Structure formats: C-alpha cells, structure tokens
Amino acid sequence: MNQRDDEGIVLTEAQKKARRSRSIALALVLAALVVLFYVITLVKGPGVLVRPL
C-alpha cells in the first residue's frame, strides 16, 4: 500500500465548512420538527390519548 491509501479521503477546508453547515442545518430542522410536534401535542391536549382501539 502506498501512503495515499492509508490516509483515506482528505477533505479540503471548504468541504469541511460545507459539511459543518449542512450538519447544523439538519440539526436545526430536526429541532424545529421536535418543537412542532410538541406544540401540536400540547394544543390538542389530553384528548390525544383518548381514542377507541
């Protein structure tokens, strides 16, 4: 094996920054969905748990 195989894929600084930006955006979207579901559950109230089987 040569040295290049041992290093694997090496990202440039621009690629690292883009990856970090995407990760932050995904985290924010996920957090927004969690908050949205929580608020919807609060708005619907306890009736959400009372339903026929």
PDB file of N, CA and C in Angstrom:
ATOM      1  N   MET A   1       0.833  -1.194   0.000  1.00  0.00           N
ATOM      2  CA  MET A   1       0.000   0.000   0.000  1.00  0.00           C
ATOM      3  C   MET A   1       0.867   1.243   0.000  1.00  0.00           C
ATOM      4  N   ASN A   2       0.386   2.233  -0.673  1.00  0.00           N
ATOM      5  CA  ASN A   2       1.122   3.487  -0.628  1.00  0.00           C
ATOM      6  C   ASN A   2       0.524   4.413   0.440  1.00  0.00           C
ATOM      7  N   GLN A   3       1.158   5.533   0.648  1.00  0.00           N
ATOM      8  CA  GLN A   3       0.751   6.438   1.715  1.00  0.00           C
ATOM      9  C   GLN A   3      -0.653   6.998   1.461  1.00  0.00           C
ATOM     10  N   ARG A   4      -1.025   7.186   0.232  1.00  0.00           N
ATOM     11  CA  ARG A   4      -2.335   7.754  -0.099  1.00  0.00           C
ATOM     12  C   ARG A   4      -3.457   6.830   0.370  1.00  0.00           C
ATOM     13  N   ASP A   5      -3.296   5.522   0.261  1.00  0.00           N
ATOM     14  CA  ASP A   5      -4.315   4.585   0.702  1.00  0.00           C
ATOM     15  C   ASP A   5      -4.504   4.632   2.214  1.00  0.00           C
ATOM     16  N   ASP A   6      -3.426   4.881   2.942  1.00  0.00           N
ATOM     17  CA  ASP A   6      -3.506   4.901   4.401  1.00  0.00           C
ATOM     18  C   ASP A   6      -4.254   6.132   4.908  1.00  0.00           C
ATOM     19  N   GLU A   7      -4.188   7.232   4.175  1.00  0.00           N
ATOM     20  CA  GLU A   7      -4.817   8.467   4.626  1.00  0.00           C
ATOM     21  C   GLU A   7      -6.324   8.464   4.397  1.00  0.00           C
ATOM     22  N   GLY A   8      -6.807   7.739   3.432  1.00  0.00           N
ATOM     23  CA  GLY A   8      -8.233   7.783   3.106  1.00  0.00           C
ATOM     24  C   GLY A   8      -8.558   9.077   2.373  1.00  0.00           C
ATOM     25  N   ILE A   9      -9.808   9.488   2.476  1.00  0.00           N
ATOM     26  CA  ILE A   9     -10.232  10.709   1.804  1.00  0.00           C
ATOM     27  C   ILE A   9      -9.930  11.899   2.701  1.00  0.00           C
ATOM     28  N   VAL A  10      -9.231  12.868   2.157  1.00  0.00           N
ATOM     29  CA  VAL A  10      -8.883  14.079   2.898  1.00  0.00           C
ATOM     30  C   VAL A  10      -9.702  15.231   2.330  1.00  0.00           C
ATOM     31  N   LEU A  11     -10.505  15.848   3.191  1.00  0.00           N
ATOM     32  CA  LEU A  11     -11.363  16.946   2.744  1.00  0.00           C
ATOM     33  C   LEU A  11     -10.611  18.269   2.788  1.00  0.00           C
ATOM     34  N   THR A  12     -10.975  19.139   1.846  1.00  0.00           N
ATOM     35  CA  THR A  12     -10.420  20.497   1.881  1.00  0.00           C
ATOM     36  C   THR A  12     -11.152  21.290   2.950  1.00  0.00           C
ATOM     37  N   GLU A  13     -10.614  22.456   3.280  1.00  0.00           N
ATOM     38  CA  GLU A  13     -11.266  23.306   4.292  1.00  0.00           C
ATOM     39  C   GLU A  13     -12.659  23.721   3.837  1.00  0.00           C
ATOM     40  N   ALA A  14     -12.823  23.982   2.546  1.00  0.00           N
ATOM     41  CA  ALA A  14     -14.136  24.374   2.015  1.00  0.00           C
ATOM     42  C   ALA A  14     -15.139  23.227   2.175  1.00  0.00           C
ATOM     43  N   GLN A  15     -14.702  22.002   1.930  1.00  0.00           N
ATOM     44  CA  GLN A  15     -15.582  20.853   2.083  1.00  0.00           C
ATOM     45  C   GLN A  15     -15.951  20.622   3.545  1.00  0.00           C
ATOM     46  N   LYS A  16     -14.978  20.826   4.436  1.00  0.00           N
ATOM     47  CA  LYS A  16     -15.264  20.688   5.870  1.00  0.00           C
ATOM     48  C   LYS A  16     -16.282  21.729   6.324  1.00  0.00           C
ATOM     49  N   LYS A  17     -16.127  22.952   5.821  1.00  0.00           N
ATOM     50  CA  LYS A  17     -17.055  24.015   6.187  1.00  0.00           C
ATOM     51  C   LYS A  17     -18.454  23.716   5.648  1.00  0.00           C
ATOM     52  N   ALA A  18     -18.527  23.219   4.411  1.00  0.00           N
ATOM     53  CA  ALA A  18     -19.818  22.889   3.817  1.00  0.00           C
ATOM     54  C   ALA A  18     -20.486  21.747   4.581  1.00  0.00           C
ATOM     55  N   ARG A  19     -19.703  20.754   4.987  1.00  0.00           N
ATOM     56  CA  ARG A  19     -20.239  19.628   5.746  1.00  0.00           C
ATOM     57  C   ARG A  19     -20.789  20.117   7.078  1.00  0.00           C
ATOM     58  N   ARG A  20     -20.040  20.997   7.742  1.00  0.00           N
ATOM     59  CA  ARG A  20     -20.485  21.536   9.034  1.00  0.00           C
ATOM     60  C   ARG A  20     -21.764  22.346   8.867  1.00  0.00           C
ATOM     61  N   SER A  21     -21.846  23.136   7.819  1.00  0.00           N
ATOM     62  CA  SER A  21     -23.045  23.935   7.566  1.00  0.00           C
ATOM     63  C   SER A  21     -24.262  23.039   7.339  1.00  0.00           C
ATOM     64  N   ARG A  22     -24.074  21.970   6.566  1.00  0.00           N
ATOM     65  CA  ARG A  22     -25.182  21.029   6.337  1.00  0.00           C
ATOM     66  C   ARG A  22     -25.603  20.355   7.628  1.00  0.00           C
ATOM     67  N   SER A  23     -24.638  19.975   8.444  1.00  0.00           N
ATOM     68  CA  SER A  23     -24.946  19.324   9.708  1.00  0.00           C
ATOM     69  C   SER A  23     -25.735  20.247  10.628  1.00  0.00           C
ATOM     70  N   ILE A  24     -25.335  21.505  10.682  1.00  0.00           N
ATOM     71  CA  ILE A  24     -26.050  22.472  11.514  1.00  0.00           C
ATOM     72  C   ILE A  24     -27.463  22.687  10.981  1.00  0.00           C
ATOM     73  N   ALA A  25     -27.606  22.785   9.677  1.00  0.00           N
ATOM     74  CA  ALA A  25     -28.931  22.974   9.081  1.00  0.00           C
ATOM     75  C   ALA A  25     -29.833  21.780   9.386  1.00  0.00           C
ATOM     76  N   LEU A  26     -29.317  20.568   9.257  1.00  0.00           N
ATOM     77  CA  LEU A  26     -30.106  19.378   9.569  1.00  0.00           C
ATOM     78  C   LEU A  26     -30.505  19.343  11.041  1.00  0.00           C
ATOM     79  N   ALA A  27     -29.591  19.718  11.913  1.00  0.00           N
ATOM     80  CA  ALA A  27     -29.891  19.740  13.348  1.00  0.00           C
ATOM     81  C   ALA A  27     -30.996  20.751  13.647  1.00  0.00           C
ATOM     82  N   LEU A  28     -30.941  21.916  13.016  1.00  0.00           N
ATOM     83  CA  LEU A  28     -31.975  22.926  13.232  1.00  0.00           C
ATOM     84  C   LEU A  28     -33.333  22.466  12.721  1.00  0.00           C
ATOM     85  N   VAL A  29     -33.355  21.819  11.573  1.00  0.00           N
ATOM     86  CA  VAL A  29     -34.615  21.303  11.025  1.00  0.00           C
ATOM     87  C   VAL A  29     -35.186  20.226  11.944  1.00  0.00           C
ATOM     88  N   LEU A  30     -34.346  19.338  12.417  1.00  0.00           N
ATOM     89  CA  LEU A  30     -34.793  18.285  13.327  1.00  0.00           C
ATOM     90  C   LEU A  30     -35.330  18.883  14.624  1.00  0.00           C
ATOM     91  N   ALA A  31     -34.637  19.859  15.185  1.00  0.00           N
ATOM     92  CA  ALA A  31     -35.096  20.514  16.408  1.00  0.00           C
ATOM     93  C   ALA A  31     -36.433  21.225  16.176  1.00  0.00           C
ATOM     94  N   ALA A  32     -36.589  21.853  15.023  1.00  0.00           N
ATOM     95  CA  ALA A  32     -37.848  22.529  14.703  1.00  0.00           C
ATOM     96  C   ALA A  32     -38.994  21.524  14.616  1.00  0.00           C
ATOM     97  N   LEU A  33     -38.744  20.366  14.027  1.00  0.00           N
ATOM     98  CA  LEU A  33     -39.789  19.335  13.953  1.00  0.00           C
ATOM     99  C   LEU A  33     -40.177  18.833  15.335  1.00  0.00           C
ATOM    100  N   VAL A  34     -39.194  18.623  16.198  1.00  0.00           N
ATOM    101  CA  VAL A  34     -39.478  18.175  17.563  1.00  0.00           C
ATOM    102  C   VAL A  34     -40.344  19.205  18.278  1.00  0.00           C
ATOM    103  N   VAL A  35     -39.979  20.481  18.162  1.00  0.00           N
ATOM    104  CA  VAL A  35     -40.757  21.545  18.805  1.00  0.00           C
ATOM    105  C   VAL A  35     -42.163  21.602  18.215  1.00  0.00           C
ATOM    106  N   LEU A  36     -42.271  21.470  16.906  1.00  0.00           N
ATOM    107  CA  LEU A  36     -43.578  21.496  16.243  1.00  0.00           C
ATOM    108  C   LEU A  36     -44.473  20.369  16.749  1.00  0.00           C
ATOM    109  N   PHE A  37     -43.949  19.144  16.813  1.00  0.00           N
ATOM    110  CA  PHE A  37     -44.743  18.020  17.293  1.00  0.00           C
ATOM    111  C   PHE A  37     -45.145  18.221  18.749  1.00  0.00           C
ATOM    112  N   TYR A  38     -44.236  18.765  19.551  1.00  0.00           N
ATOM    113  CA  TYR A  38     -44.529  19.016  20.967  1.00  0.00           C
ATOM    114  C   TYR A  38     -45.654  20.041  21.102  1.00  0.00           C
ATOM    115  N   VAL A  39     -45.576  21.130  20.340  1.00  0.00           N
ATOM    116  CA  VAL A  39     -46.600  22.176  20.397  1.00  0.00           C
ATOM    117  C   VAL A  39     -47.943  21.627  19.925  1.00  0.00           C
ATOM    118  N   ILE A  40     -47.946  20.859  18.861  1.00  0.00           N
ATOM    119  CA  ILE A  40     -49.203  20.273  18.364  1.00  0.00           C
ATOM    120  C   ILE A  40     -49.812  19.369  19.420  1.00  0.00           C
ATOM    121  N   THR A  41     -48.987  18.584  20.109  1.00  0.00           N
ATOM    122  CA  THR A  41     -49.485  17.710  21.167  1.00  0.00           C
ATOM    123  C   THR A  41     -50.079  18.537  22.304  1.00  0.00           C
ATOM    124  N   LEU A  42     -49.450  19.631  22.678  1.00  0.00           N
ATOM    125  CA  LEU A  42     -49.982  20.493  23.734  1.00  0.00           C
ATOM    126  C   LEU A  42     -51.302  21.136  23.319  1.00  0.00           C
ATOM    127  N   VAL A  43     -51.385  21.552  22.070  1.00  0.00           N
ATOM    128  CA  VAL A  43     -52.599  22.215  21.577  1.00  0.00           C
ATOM    129  C   VAL A  43     -53.764  21.235  21.563  1.00  0.00           C
ATOM    130  N   LYS A  44     -53.518  20.006  21.142  1.00  0.00           N
ATOM    131  CA  LYS A  44     -54.585  19.008  21.096  1.00  0.00           C
ATOM    132  C   LYS A  44     -55.019  18.596  22.492  1.00  0.00           C
ATOM    133  N   GLY A  45     -54.125  18.710  23.448  1.00  0.00           N
ATOM    134  CA  GLY A  45     -54.478  18.417  24.832  1.00  0.00           C
ATOM    135  C   GLY A  45     -54.532  16.930  25.121  1.00  0.00           C
ATOM    136  N   PRO A  46     -55.099  16.591  26.301  1.00  0.00           N
ATOM    137  CA  PRO A  46     -55.121  15.189  26.728  1.00  0.00           C
ATOM    138  C   PRO A  46     -56.027  14.303  25.863  1.00  0.00           C
ATOM    139  N   GLY A  47     -56.889  14.909  25.064  1.00  0.00           N
ATOM    140  CA  GLY A  47     -57.769  14.139  24.195  1.00  0.00           C
ATOM    141  C   GLY A  47     -57.017  13.280  23.193  1.00  0.00           C
ATOM    142  N   VAL A  48     -55.764  13.612  22.973  1.00  0.00           N
ATOM    143  CA  VAL A  48     -54.936  12.843  22.044  1.00  0.00           C
ATOM    144  C   VAL A  48     -54.773  11.405  22.528  1.00  0.00           C
ATOM    145  N   LEU A  49     -54.785  11.209  23.848  1.00  0.00           N
ATOM    146  CA  LEU A  49     -54.576   9.872  24.413  1.00  0.00           C
ATOM    147  C   LEU A  49     -55.875   9.076  24.507  1.00  0.00           C
ATOM    148  N   VAL A  50     -57.034   9.729  24.370  1.00  0.00           N
ATOM    149  CA  VAL A  50     -58.322   9.048  24.495  1.00  0.00           C
ATOM    150  C   VAL A  50     -58.876   8.790  23.105  1.00  0.00           C
ATOM    151  N   ARG A  51     -58.723   7.565  22.650  1.00  0.00           N
ATOM    152  CA  ARG A  51     -59.259   7.201  21.336  1.00  0.00           C
ATOM    153  C   ARG A  51     -59.621   5.718  21.350  1.00  0.00           C
ATOM    154  N   PRO A  52     -60.614   5.348  20.587  1.00  0.00           N
ATOM    155  CA  PRO A  52     -61.031   3.943  20.564  1.00  0.00           C
ATOM    156  C   PRO A  52     -59.971   3.049  19.897  1.00  0.00           C
ATOM    157  N   LEU A  53     -59.884   1.839  20.375  1.00  0.00           N
ATOM    158  CA  LEU A  53     -58.920   0.913  19.799  1.00  0.00           C
ATOM    159  C   LEU A  53     -59.547   0.087  18.701  1.00  0.00           C
TER     160      LEU A  53
END
